[in-house]
All heavy atoms as atom14 arrays in JSON, in Angstrom:
{
  "sequence": "REYLEAWEGRCTPDLWQLRIEGIEIWEAYRNPGWGIYYNHVHI",
  "atom14_mask": [
    [1, 1, 1, 1, 1, 1, 1, 1, 1, 1, 1, 0, 0, 0],
    [1, 1, 1, 1, 1, 1, 1, 1, 1, 0, 0, 0, 0, 0],
    [1, 1, 1, 1, 1, 1, 1, 1, 1, 1, 1, 1, 0, 0],
    [1, 1, 1, 1, 1, 1, 1, 1, 0, 0, 0, 0, 0, 0],
    [1, 1, 1, 1, 1, 1, 1, 1, 1, 0, 0, 0, 0, 0],
    [1, 1, 1, 1, 1, 0, 0, 0, 0, 0, 0, 0, 0, 0],
    [1, 1, 1, 1, 1, 1, 1, 1, 1, 1, 1, 1, 1, 1],
    [1, 1, 1, 1, 1, 1, 1, 1, 1, 0, 0, 0, 0, 0],
    [1, 1, 1, 1, 0, 0, 0, 0, 0, 0, 0, 0, 0, 0],
    [1, 1, 1, 1, 1, 1, 1, 1, 1, 1, 1, 0, 0, 0],
    [1, 1, 1, 1, 1, 1, 0, 0, 0, 0, 0, 0, 0, 0],
    [1, 1, 1, 1, 1, 1, 1, 0, 0, 0, 0, 0, 0, 0],
    [1, 1, 1, 1, 1, 1, 1, 0, 0, 0, 0, 0, 0, 0],
    [1, 1, 1, 1, 1, 1, 1, 1, 0, 0, 0, 0, 0, 0],
    [1, 1, 1, 1, 1, 1, 1, 1, 0, 0, 0, 0, 0, 0],
    [1, 1, 1, 1, 1, 1, 1, 1, 1, 1, 1, 1, 1, 1],
    [1, 1, 1, 1, 1, 1, 1, 1, 1, 0, 0, 0, 0, 0],
    [1, 1, 1, 1, 1, 1, 1, 1, 0, 0, 0, 0, 0, 0],
    [1, 1, 1, 1, 1, 1, 1, 1, 1, 1, 1, 0, 0, 0],
    [1, 1, 1, 1, 1, 1, 1, 1, 0, 0, 0, 0, 0, 0],
    [1, 1, 1, 1, 1, 1, 1, 1, 1, 0, 0, 0, 0, 0],
    [1, 1, 1, 1, 0, 0, 0, 0, 0, 0, 0, 0, 0, 0],
    [1, 1, 1, 1, 1, 1, 1, 1, 0, 0, 0, 0, 0, 0],
    [1, 1, 1, 1, 1, 1, 1, 1, 1, 0, 0, 0, 0, 0],
    [1, 1, 1, 1, 1, 1, 1, 1, 0, 0, 0, 0, 0, 0],
    [1, 1, 1, 1, 1, 1, 1, 1, 1, 1, 1, 1, 1, 1],
    [1, 1, 1, 1, 1, 1, 1, 1, 1, 0, 0, 0, 0, 0],
    [1, 1, 1, 1, 1, 0, 0, 0, 0, 0, 0, 0, 0, 0],
    [1, 1, 1, 1, 1, 1, 1, 1, 1, 1, 1, 1, 0, 0],
    [1, 1, 1, 1, 1, 1, 1, 1, 1, 1, 1, 0, 0, 0],
    [1, 1, 1, 1, 1, 1, 1, 1, 0, 0, 0, 0, 0, 0],
    [1, 1, 1, 1, 1, 1, 1, 0, 0, 0, 0, 0, 0, 0],
    [1, 1, 1, 1, 0, 0, 0, 0, 0, 0, 0, 0, 0, 0],
    [1, 1, 1, 1, 1, 1, 1, 1, 1, 1, 1, 1, 1, 1],
    [1, 1, 1, 1, 0, 0, 0, 0, 0, 0, 0, 0, 0, 0],
    [1, 1, 1, 1, 1, 1, 1, 1, 0, 0, 0, 0, 0, 0],
    [1, 1, 1, 1, 1, 1, 1, 1, 1, 1, 1, 1, 0, 0],
    [1, 1, 1, 1, 1, 1, 1, 1, 1, 1, 1, 1, 0, 0],
    [1, 1, 1, 1, 1, 1, 1, 1, 0, 0, 0, 0, 0, 0],
    [1, 1, 1, 1, 1, 1, 1, 1, 1, 1, 0, 0, 0, 0],
    [1, 1, 1, 1, 1, 1, 1, 0, 0, 0, 0, 0, 0, 0],
    [1, 1, 1, 1, 1, 1, 1, 1, 1, 1, 0, 0, 0, 0],
    [1, 1, 1, 1, 1, 1, 1, 1, 0, 0, 0, 0, 0, 0]
  ],
  "atom14_positions": [
    [[0.86, -1.18, 0.03], [-0.05, -0.04, 0.06], [0.86, 1.35, -0.05], [0.55, 2.3, -0.61], [-0.88, -0.02, 1.26], [-1.93, -1.07, 1.25], [-2.86, -0.99, 0.09], [-3.98, -2.02, 0.18], [-4.82, -2.44, -0.74], [-4.69, -1.85, -1.95], [-5.67, -3.32, -0.51], [0.0, 0.0, 0.0], [0.0, 0.0, 0.0], [0.0, 0.0, 0.0]],
    [[1.93, 1.26, 0.8], [2.86, 2.34, 0.77], [3.56, 2.6, -0.58], [3.43, 3.79, -1.12], [3.92, 2.23, 1.85], [4.77, 3.49, 2.0], [5.68, 3.46, 3.09], [5.8, 2.46, 3.91], [6.63, 4.39, 3.21], [0.0, 0.0, 0.0], [0.0, 0.0, 0.0], [0.0, 0.0, 0.0], [0.0, 0.0, 0.0], [0.0, 0.0, 0.0]],
    [[4.22, 1.71, -1.04], [5.09, 1.88, -2.26], [4.33, 1.72, -3.62], [4.96, 2.16, -4.64], [6.31, 0.98, -2.17], [7.29, 1.47, -1.07], [7.24, 0.69, 0.0], [8.09, 2.59, -1.23], [8.05, 1.16, 1.21], [8.88, 3.04, -0.19], [8.89, 2.37, 0.97], [9.77, 2.76, 2.04], [0.0, 0.0, 0.0], [0.0, 0.0, 0.0]],
    [[3.21, 1.17, -3.66], [2.55, 1.0, -4.85], [1.25, 1.87, -4.96], [0.56, 2.15, -6.02], [2.15, -0.54, -5.27], [3.36, -1.27, -5.32], [2.78, -2.74, -5.85], [4.34, -0.88, -6.33], [0.0, 0.0, 0.0], [0.0, 0.0, 0.0], [0.0, 0.0, 0.0], [0.0, 0.0, 0.0], [0.0, 0.0, 0.0], [0.0, 0.0, 0.0]],
    [[0.76, 2.38, -3.8], [-0.43, 3.18, -3.67], [-0.07, 4.63, -3.29], [-0.34, 5.59, -4.02], [-1.46, 2.6, -2.73], [-1.96, 1.2, -3.07], [-3.1, 1.1, -3.9], [-3.28, 2.13, -4.77], [-3.94, 0.21, -3.72], [0.0, 0.0, 0.0], [0.0, 0.0, 0.0], [0.0, 0.0, 0.0], [0.0, 0.0, 0.0], [0.0, 0.0, 0.0]],
    [[0.41, 4.62, -2.04], [0.84, 6.07, -1.47], [1.84, 6.83, -2.4], [1.67, 8.03, -2.5], [1.39, 5.94, -0.05], [0.0, 0.0, 0.0], [0.0, 0.0, 0.0], [0.0, 0.0, 0.0], [0.0, 0.0, 0.0], [0.0, 0.0, 0.0], [0.0, 0.0, 0.0], [0.0, 0.0, 0.0], [0.0, 0.0, 0.0], [0.0, 0.0, 0.0]],
    [[2.76, 6.16, -2.97], [3.73, 6.73, -3.9], [3.03, 7.35, -5.05], [3.54, 8.18, -5.78], [4.85, 5.72, -4.33], [5.94, 5.72, -3.17], [5.83, 5.88, -1.97], [7.43, 5.6, -3.5], [7.15, 5.87, -1.3], [8.07, 5.82, -2.3], [8.15, 5.5, -4.81], [9.47, 5.76, -2.18], [9.57, 5.46, -4.63], [10.14, 5.45, -3.39]],
    [[1.9, 6.83, -5.42], [1.15, 7.34, -6.59], [0.03, 8.37, -6.02], [-0.86, 8.8, -6.86], [0.38, 6.25, -7.28], [1.33, 5.19, -7.92], [2.31, 5.76, -8.91], [1.74, 6.69, -9.55], [3.51, 5.4, -8.88], [0.0, 0.0, 0.0], [0.0, 0.0, 0.0], [0.0, 0.0, 0.0], [0.0, 0.0, 0.0], [0.0, 0.0, 0.0]],
    [[0.11, 8.85, -4.8], [-0.78, 9.75, -4.27], [-2.01, 9.18, -3.74], [-3.02, 9.99, -3.29], [0.0, 0.0, 0.0], [0.0, 0.0, 0.0], [0.0, 0.0, 0.0], [0.0, 0.0, 0.0], [0.0, 0.0, 0.0], [0.0, 0.0, 0.0], [0.0, 0.0, 0.0], [0.0, 0.0, 0.0], [0.0, 0.0, 0.0], [0.0, 0.0, 0.0]],
    [[-2.17, 7.91, -3.72], [-3.41, 7.23, -3.14], [-3.15, 6.79, -1.63], [-2.77, 5.68, -1.49], [-3.76, 6.01, -3.99], [-4.0, 6.42, -5.52], [-4.63, 5.24, -6.25], [-3.78, 4.15, -6.24], [-2.85, 3.84, -7.22], [-2.56, 4.75, -8.17], [-2.06, 2.78, -7.29], [0.0, 0.0, 0.0], [0.0, 0.0, 0.0], [0.0, 0.0, 0.0]],
    [[-3.33, 7.79, -0.82], [-2.84, 7.59, 0.64], [-3.85, 7.04, 1.55], [-3.57, 6.67, 2.68], [-2.27, 8.89, 1.11], [-0.83, 9.62, 0.25], [0.0, 0.0, 0.0], [0.0, 0.0, 0.0], [0.0, 0.0, 0.0], [0.0, 0.0, 0.0], [0.0, 0.0, 0.0], [0.0, 0.0, 0.0], [0.0, 0.0, 0.0], [0.0, 0.0, 0.0]],
    [[-5.14, 7.08, 1.08], [-6.27, 6.57, 2.07], [-6.9, 5.42, 1.34], [-7.04, 5.27, 0.02], [-7.32, 7.77, 2.29], [-7.65, 8.21, 1.09], [-6.59, 8.85, 2.98], [0.0, 0.0, 0.0], [0.0, 0.0, 0.0], [0.0, 0.0, 0.0], [0.0, 0.0, 0.0], [0.0, 0.0, 0.0], [0.0, 0.0, 0.0], [0.0, 0.0, 0.0]],
    [[-7.48, 4.5, 2.18], [-8.26, 3.38, 1.61], [-9.22, 3.6, 0.57], [-9.41, 2.77, -0.39], [-8.79, 2.6, 2.85], [-7.98, 3.13, 3.98], [-7.53, 4.45, 3.68], [0.0, 0.0, 0.0], [0.0, 0.0, 0.0], [0.0, 0.0, 0.0], [0.0, 0.0, 0.0], [0.0, 0.0, 0.0], [0.0, 0.0, 0.0], [0.0, 0.0, 0.0]],
    [[-9.9, 4.74, 0.57], [-11.02, 4.98, -0.35], [-10.35, 5.3, -1.76], [-11.14, 5.22, -2.76], [-11.85, 6.19, 0.11], [-11.03, 7.47, 0.16], [-10.09, 7.34, 0.98], [-11.28, 8.53, -0.43], [0.0, 0.0, 0.0], [0.0, 0.0, 0.0], [0.0, 0.0, 0.0], [0.0, 0.0, 0.0], [0.0, 0.0, 0.0], [0.0, 0.0, 0.0]],
    [[-9.13, 5.47, -1.78], [-8.5, 5.7, -3.06], [-7.61, 4.49, -3.58], [-7.04, 4.49, -4.77], [-7.36, 6.94, -3.02], [-8.02, 8.22, -2.56], [-7.01, 9.3, -2.36], [-8.98, 8.75, -3.65], [0.0, 0.0, 0.0], [0.0, 0.0, 0.0], [0.0, 0.0, 0.0], [0.0, 0.0, 0.0], [0.0, 0.0, 0.0], [0.0, 0.0, 0.0]],
    [[-7.47, 3.56, -2.76], [-6.67, 2.31, -3.13], [-7.32, 1.65, -4.24], [-8.44, 1.4, -4.39], [-6.48, 1.43, -1.99], [-5.56, 2.1, -0.9], [-4.75, 3.12, -0.99], [-5.43, 1.63, 0.46], [-4.07, 3.48, 0.15], [-4.47, 2.49, 1.0], [-6.0, 0.55, 1.18], [-4.07, 2.28, 2.38], [-5.59, 0.43, 2.51], [-4.63, 1.35, 3.2]],
    [[-6.46, 1.04, -5.23], [-6.9, 0.53, -6.46], [-6.4, -1.08, -6.51], [-7.08, -1.78, -7.22], [-6.29, 1.18, -7.62], [-6.83, 2.66, -7.81], [-6.18, 3.34, -9.03], [-5.49, 2.87, -9.8], [-6.55, 4.58, -9.12], [0.0, 0.0, 0.0], [0.0, 0.0, 0.0], [0.0, 0.0, 0.0], [0.0, 0.0, 0.0], [0.0, 0.0, 0.0]],
    [[-5.34, -1.34, -5.8], [-4.89, -2.64, -5.93], [-5.63, -3.66, -5.13], [-6.16, -3.27, -4.08], [-3.4, -2.78, -5.36], [-2.17, -2.36, -6.44], [-2.36, -0.93, -6.75], [-0.92, -2.69, -5.85], [0.0, 0.0, 0.0], [0.0, 0.0, 0.0], [0.0, 0.0, 0.0], [0.0, 0.0, 0.0], [0.0, 0.0, 0.0], [0.0, 0.0, 0.0]],
    [[-5.73, -4.97, -5.52], [-6.33, -6.04, -4.81], [-5.25, -6.76, -4.11], [-4.39, -7.21, -4.7], [-7.11, -7.0, -5.79], [-7.74, -8.2, -5.06], [-8.59, -8.99, -5.93], [-8.04, -9.54, -7.08], [-7.66, -10.89, -7.2], [-8.08, -11.74, -6.15], [-7.16, -11.37, -8.19], [0.0, 0.0, 0.0], [0.0, 0.0, 0.0], [0.0, 0.0, 0.0]],
    [[-5.29, -6.82, -2.75], [-4.34, -7.56, -2.03], [-5.07, -8.59, -1.08], [-5.89, -8.2, -0.25], [-3.48, -6.7, -1.16], [-2.91, -5.44, -1.88], [-2.34, -7.39, -0.33], [-2.05, -4.5, -0.94], [0.0, 0.0, 0.0], [0.0, 0.0, 0.0], [0.0, 0.0, 0.0], [0.0, 0.0, 0.0], [0.0, 0.0, 0.0], [0.0, 0.0, 0.0]],
    [[-4.77, -9.86, -1.38], [-5.36, -10.99, -0.53], [-4.23, -11.68, 0.21], [-3.14, -11.74, -0.28], [-6.2, -11.84, -1.4], [-7.47, -11.25, -2.01], [-8.4, -12.14, -2.45], [-8.7, -13.16, -1.8], [-9.17, -11.8, -3.42], [0.0, 0.0, 0.0], [0.0, 0.0, 0.0], [0.0, 0.0, 0.0], [0.0, 0.0, 0.0], [0.0, 0.0, 0.0]],
    [[-4.52, -12.19, 1.38], [-3.49, -12.82, 2.12], [-4.01, -14.11, 2.66], [-5.25, -14.43, 2.73], [0.0, 0.0, 0.0], [0.0, 0.0, 0.0], [0.0, 0.0, 0.0], [0.0, 0.0, 0.0], [0.0, 0.0, 0.0], [0.0, 0.0, 0.0], [0.0, 0.0, 0.0], [0.0, 0.0, 0.0], [0.0, 0.0, 0.0], [0.0, 0.0, 0.0]],
    [[-3.1, -15.07, 2.98], [-3.39, -16.27, 3.56], [-2.53, -16.42, 4.91], [-1.42, -16.19, 4.82], [-3.12, -17.49, 2.53], [-3.83, -17.28, 1.29], [-3.43, -18.81, 3.2], [-3.41, -18.35, 0.21], [0.0, 0.0, 0.0], [0.0, 0.0, 0.0], [0.0, 0.0, 0.0], [0.0, 0.0, 0.0], [0.0, 0.0, 0.0], [0.0, 0.0, 0.0]],
    [[-3.13, -16.91, 5.85], [-2.47, -17.21, 7.16], [-3.03, -18.33, 7.84], [-4.17, -18.55, 8.09], [-2.44, -15.97, 8.01], [-1.77, -16.21, 9.45], [-0.26, -16.56, 9.26], [0.45, -15.96, 8.58], [-0.03, -17.7, 9.74], [0.0, 0.0, 0.0], [0.0, 0.0, 0.0], [0.0, 0.0, 0.0], [0.0, 0.0, 0.0], [0.0, 0.0, 0.0]],
    [[-2.08, -19.23, 8.26], [-2.57, -20.56, 8.91], [-2.76, -20.34, 10.38], [-3.38, -21.14, 11.05], [-1.39, -21.68, 8.57], [-2.14, -23.05, 8.83], [-0.24, -21.45, 9.41], [-1.21, -24.24, 8.23], [0.0, 0.0, 0.0], [0.0, 0.0, 0.0], [0.0, 0.0, 0.0], [0.0, 0.0, 0.0], [0.0, 0.0, 0.0], [0.0, 0.0, 0.0]],
    [[-2.19, -19.32, 10.98], [-2.16, -19.11, 12.52], [-2.99, -17.89, 12.71], [-2.49, -16.74, 12.69], [-0.71, -19.1, 12.93], [-0.62, -19.11, 14.46], [-0.19, -18.09, 15.37], [-0.83, -20.37, 15.23], [-0.25, -18.52, 16.61], [-0.44, -19.86, 16.72], [-1.22, -21.55, 15.04], [-0.64, -20.8, 17.59], [-1.33, -22.48, 16.11], [-1.15, -22.03, 17.43]],
    [[-4.25, -18.04, 13.04], [-5.12, -16.84, 13.23], [-4.73, -16.03, 14.35], [-5.18, -14.76, 14.43], [-6.58, -17.23, 13.29], [-7.55, -16.15, 13.2], [-9.05, -16.63, 12.98], [-9.3, -17.75, 13.07], [-9.93, -15.83, 12.7], [0.0, 0.0, 0.0], [0.0, 0.0, 0.0], [0.0, 0.0, 0.0], [0.0, 0.0, 0.0], [0.0, 0.0, 0.0]],
    [[-4.02, -16.56, 15.42], [-3.62, -15.78, 16.55], [-2.81, -14.53, 16.16], [-2.68, -13.58, 16.98], [-2.88, -16.6, 17.61], [0.0, 0.0, 0.0], [0.0, 0.0, 0.0], [0.0, 0.0, 0.0], [0.0, 0.0, 0.0], [0.0, 0.0, 0.0], [0.0, 0.0, 0.0], [0.0, 0.0, 0.0], [0.0, 0.0, 0.0], [0.0, 0.0, 0.0]],
    [[-2.25, -14.54, 14.8], [-1.43, -13.44, 14.46], [-2.32, -12.15, 14.07], [-1.69, -11.22, 13.62], [-0.46, -13.79, 13.37], [0.69, -14.68, 13.8], [1.21, -15.49, 12.84], [1.21, -14.69, 15.02], [2.34, -16.36, 13.18], [2.28, -15.42, 15.35], [2.8, -16.31, 14.43], [3.96, -17.05, 14.73], [0.0, 0.0, 0.0], [0.0, 0.0, 0.0]],
    [[-3.63, -12.37, 13.91], [-4.48, -11.3, 13.45], [-4.26, -10.07, 14.33], [-4.24, -10.16, 15.39], [-5.99, -11.85, 13.53], [-6.94, -10.83, 13.06], [-8.36, -11.26, 13.2], [-8.73, -12.43, 12.38], [-8.98, -12.43, 11.13], [-9.12, -11.28, 10.53], [-9.3, -13.49, 10.35], [0.0, 0.0, 0.0], [0.0, 0.0, 0.0], [0.0, 0.0, 0.0]],
    [[-4.3, -8.96, 13.57], [-4.18, -7.51, 14.2], [-4.74, -6.71, 13.32], [-5.32, -6.95, 12.25], [-2.64, -7.23, 14.35], [-1.97, -7.16, 13.02], [-2.16, -6.21, 12.37], [-1.03, -8.09, 12.73], [0.0, 0.0, 0.0], [0.0, 0.0, 0.0], [0.0, 0.0, 0.0], [0.0, 0.0, 0.0], [0.0, 0.0, 0.0], [0.0, 0.0, 0.0]],
    [[-5.05, -5.41, 13.78], [-5.95, -4.41, 13.08], [-5.36, -4.21, 11.66], [-6.13, -3.77, 10.62], [-5.88, -3.21, 13.97], [-5.54, -3.64, 15.34], [-4.76, -4.92, 15.12], [0.0, 0.0, 0.0], [0.0, 0.0, 0.0], [0.0, 0.0, 0.0], [0.0, 0.0, 0.0], [0.0, 0.0, 0.0], [0.0, 0.0, 0.0], [0.0, 0.0, 0.0]],
    [[-4.12, -4.31, 11.41], [-3.51, -4.03, 10.09], [-3.99, -4.89, 9.06], [-4.15, -4.52, 7.86], [0.0, 0.0, 0.0], [0.0, 0.0, 0.0], [0.0, 0.0, 0.0], [0.0, 0.0, 0.0], [0.0, 0.0, 0.0], [0.0, 0.0, 0.0], [0.0, 0.0, 0.0], [0.0, 0.0, 0.0], [0.0, 0.0, 0.0], [0.0, 0.0, 0.0]],
    [[-4.36, -6.29, 9.51], [-4.84, -7.02, 8.43], [-6.25, -6.5, 7.83], [-6.36, -6.57, 6.61], [-5.34, -8.38, 9.07], [-4.24, -9.28, 9.49], [-2.91, -9.08, 9.65], [-4.42, -10.72, 9.67], [-2.18, -10.05, 10.1], [-3.01, -11.21, 10.14], [-5.49, -11.6, 9.77], [-2.85, -12.58, 10.53], [-5.21, -12.86, 10.21], [-3.88, -13.35, 10.55]],
    [[-7.01, -5.95, 8.47], [-8.21, -5.35, 8.04], [-8.17, -4.06, 7.36], [-8.98, -3.74, 6.52], [0.0, 0.0, 0.0], [0.0, 0.0, 0.0], [0.0, 0.0, 0.0], [0.0, 0.0, 0.0], [0.0, 0.0, 0.0], [0.0, 0.0, 0.0], [0.0, 0.0, 0.0], [0.0, 0.0, 0.0], [0.0, 0.0, 0.0], [0.0, 0.0, 0.0]],
    [[-6.96, -3.47, 7.5], [-6.77, -2.12, 6.89], [-6.07, -2.33, 5.44], [-6.51, -1.8, 4.48], [-5.77, -1.3, 7.71], [-6.57, -0.9, 9.09], [-5.47, 0.02, 6.96], [-5.75, -0.08, 10.08], [0.0, 0.0, 0.0], [0.0, 0.0, 0.0], [0.0, 0.0, 0.0], [0.0, 0.0, 0.0], [0.0, 0.0, 0.0], [0.0, 0.0, 0.0]],
    [[-5.06, -3.19, 5.47], [-4.21, -3.22, 4.24], [-4.51, -4.29, 3.29], [-4.24, -4.28, 2.06], [-2.79, -3.38, 4.57], [-2.33, -2.25, 5.44], [-1.91, -2.43, 6.86], [-2.21, -0.88, 5.03], [-1.56, -1.4, 7.64], [-1.85, 0.17, 5.8], [-1.58, -0.08, 7.09], [-1.19, 0.94, 7.94], [0.0, 0.0, 0.0], [0.0, 0.0, 0.0]],
    [[-5.3, -5.3, 3.66], [-5.75, -6.46, 2.76], [-7.18, -6.36, 2.56], [-7.99, -6.05, 3.38], [-5.51, -7.78, 3.55], [-3.94, -8.0, 3.75], [-3.31, -7.56, 4.84], [-3.21, -8.87, 2.79], [-2.04, -7.78, 5.15], [-1.9, -9.01, 3.06], [-1.17, -8.53, 4.23], [0.16, -8.77, 4.38], [0.0, 0.0, 0.0], [0.0, 0.0, 0.0]],
    [[-7.55, -6.62, 1.17], [-8.97, -6.81, 0.83], [-9.67, -7.91, 1.51], [-10.83, -7.82, 1.89], [-9.03, -6.89, -0.63], [-8.55, -5.66, -1.41], [-7.44, -5.62, -1.83], [-9.44, -4.69, -1.51], [0.0, 0.0, 0.0], [0.0, 0.0, 0.0], [0.0, 0.0, 0.0], [0.0, 0.0, 0.0], [0.0, 0.0, 0.0], [0.0, 0.0, 0.0]],
    [[-8.83, -9.15, 1.77], [-9.4, -10.26, 2.49], [-8.19, -10.97, 2.89], [-7.09, -11.23, 2.25], [-10.25, -11.06, 1.45], [-10.99, -12.05, 2.22], [-12.2, -11.71, 2.92], [-10.73, -13.38, 2.5], [-12.63, -12.79, 3.5], [-11.9, -13.75, 3.32], [0.0, 0.0, 0.0], [0.0, 0.0, 0.0], [0.0, 0.0, 0.0], [0.0, 0.0, 0.0]],
    [[-8.33, -11.58, 4.1], [-7.33, -12.58, 4.64], [-8.06, -13.95, 4.74], [-9.1, -13.98, 5.57], [-6.72, -12.14, 5.99], [-5.73, -13.22, 6.54], [-5.86, -10.84, 5.67], [0.0, 0.0, 0.0], [0.0, 0.0, 0.0], [0.0, 0.0, 0.0], [0.0, 0.0, 0.0], [0.0, 0.0, 0.0], [0.0, 0.0, 0.0], [0.0, 0.0, 0.0]],
    [[-7.54, -14.96, 4.22], [-7.97, -16.24, 4.34], [-7.31, -17.16, 5.41], [-6.01, -17.12, 5.41], [-8.01, -17.0, 2.95], [-8.57, -16.19, 1.86], [-9.9, -16.29, 1.47], [-7.98, -15.33, 1.12], [-10.12, -15.52, 0.44], [-8.9, -14.78, 0.16], [0.0, 0.0, 0.0], [0.0, 0.0, 0.0], [0.0, 0.0, 0.0], [0.0, 0.0, 0.0]],
    [[-7.96, -17.81, 6.31], [-7.29, -18.55, 7.37], [-7.33, -20.05, 6.94], [-8.38, -20.59, 6.51], [-8.05, -18.37, 8.61], [-8.14, -16.92, 9.11], [-7.46, -19.16, 9.69], [-6.76, -16.25, 9.2], [0.0, 0.0, 0.0], [0.0, 0.0, 0.0], [0.0, 0.0, 0.0], [0.0, 0.0, 0.0], [0.0, 0.0, 0.0], [0.0, 0.0, 0.0]]
  ]
}
């Protein structure tokens, strides 16, 4: 989000254009950043 979005002037989620999905096997690592920077995280 920082280097492919903010560097293009898209600094807030309403302006973001990229689709980022994540996969994590250990849900205990979940933190607020997951919901901010990823469109979806699959467990």
